Amino acid sequence: MEIGERLKQLRIKRKLTQFEVEELTGINRSTLSLYELGIRVPPIDKLMQLALLYKVSIDYLCGIEKSYSEDVEKVKQGEKAQ
């Protein structure tokens, strides 16, 4: 799965519209659409914003990790990841 597919899948899973993602991140909707369609690749700063919003690692967004979990968020909050 490509970055764009993952971004779209995560946005839909979080029940967010592109407009809402724009409001939360400042990333323009048309730019976000280009990312999701795989026409453009997000720069690292945008990947970081989206990873934080969707509570996943950048490795997951880039396809290095094949699955994600909420463990990233637990570690950030000081909880023990399982």
Protein backbone atom coordinates (compact mmCIF):
# COMPACT_ATOMS: atom_id res chain seq x y z
CA MET A 1 0.00 0.00 0.00
CA GLU A 2 1.33 3.45 -0.94
CA ILE A 3 1.53 6.55 1.27
CA GLY A 4 -1.52 8.12 -0.36
CA GLU A 5 -3.65 5.04 0.17
CA ARG A 6 -2.61 4.89 3.82
CA LEU A 7 -3.39 8.58 4.32
CA LYS A 8 -6.86 8.22 2.84
CA GLN A 9 -7.56 5.01 4.76
CA LEU A 10 -6.54 6.62 8.05
CA ARG A 11 -8.56 9.78 7.39
CA ILE A 12 -11.65 7.71 6.66
CA LYS A 13 -11.05 5.48 9.69
CA ARG A 14 -10.87 8.60 11.89
CA LYS A 15 -14.11 9.80 10.24
CA LEU A 16 -12.52 13.04 9.08
CA THR A 17 -13.16 14.99 5.91
CA GLN A 18 -10.37 16.62 3.95
CA PHE A 19 -11.77 19.94 5.15
CA GLU A 20 -11.41 18.83 8.79
CA VAL A 21 -7.84 17.64 8.19
CA GLU A 22 -7.09 21.04 6.66
CA GLU A 23 -8.52 22.77 9.73
CA LEU A 24 -6.50 20.56 12.10
CA THR A 25 -3.18 20.62 10.23
CA GLY A 26 -3.18 23.66 7.98
CA ILE A 27 -2.52 21.40 4.98
CA ASN A 28 -4.57 22.69 2.04
CA ARG A 29 -7.38 20.34 0.93
CA SER A 30 -6.21 20.28 -2.67
CA THR A 31 -2.69 19.40 -1.52
CA LEU A 32 -4.07 16.68 0.76
CA SER A 33 -6.06 15.31 -2.17
CA LEU A 34 -2.88 15.15 -4.28
CA TYR A 35 -1.17 13.24 -1.45
CA GLU A 36 -4.08 10.79 -1.15
CA LEU A 37 -4.20 10.23 -4.91
CA GLY A 38 -0.46 9.51 -4.97
CA ILE A 39 0.25 12.41 -7.32
CA ARG A 40 2.47 14.17 -4.78
CA VAL A 41 4.51 12.81 -1.90
CA PRO A 42 4.20 14.78 1.34
CA PRO A 43 7.40 16.38 2.64
CA ILE A 44 8.66 15.18 6.02
CA ASP A 45 7.11 18.07 7.97
CA LYS A 46 3.66 17.27 6.55
CA LEU A 47 4.17 13.55 7.18
CA MET A 48 4.95 14.38 10.80
CA GLN A 49 1.76 16.45 11.14
CA LEU A 50 -0.37 13.73 9.59
CA ALA A 51 1.26 10.96 11.64
CA LEU A 52 0.49 12.88 14.83
CA LEU A 53 -3.08 13.56 13.74
CA TYR A 54 -3.73 9.92 12.81
CA LYS A 55 -1.73 8.58 15.78
CA VAL A 56 0.58 6.41 13.66
CA SER A 57 4.31 6.37 13.02
CA ILE A 58 5.93 7.92 9.97
CA ASP A 59 7.31 4.43 9.30
CA TYR A 60 3.74 3.18 8.93
CA LEU A 61 2.80 6.00 6.57
CA CYS A 62 5.87 5.27 4.43
CA GLY A 63 5.16 1.54 4.31
CA ILE A 64 8.16 0.49 6.43
CA GLU A 65 5.83 -0.91 9.08
CA LYS A 66 3.05 -3.04 7.63
CA SER A 67 0.58 -2.44 10.44
CA TYR A 68 0.03 0.22 13.02
CA SER A 69 -1.24 0.23 16.53
CA GLU A 70 -2.19 2.70 19.17
CA ASP A 71 1.06 1.72 20.96
CA VAL A 72 2.74 4.85 19.59
CA GLU A 73 0.23 7.01 21.43
CA LYS A 74 0.58 4.94 24.60
CA VAL A 75 4.35 5.40 24.58
CA LYS A 76 3.93 9.15 24.11
CA GLN A 77 1.61 9.22 27.12
CA GLY A 78 4.02 7.21 29.25
CA GLU A 79 1.92 4.06 29.28
CA LYS A 80 3.41 0.64 28.75
CA ALA A 81 2.91 -0.58 25.19
CA GLN A 82 1.85 -4.19 24.89
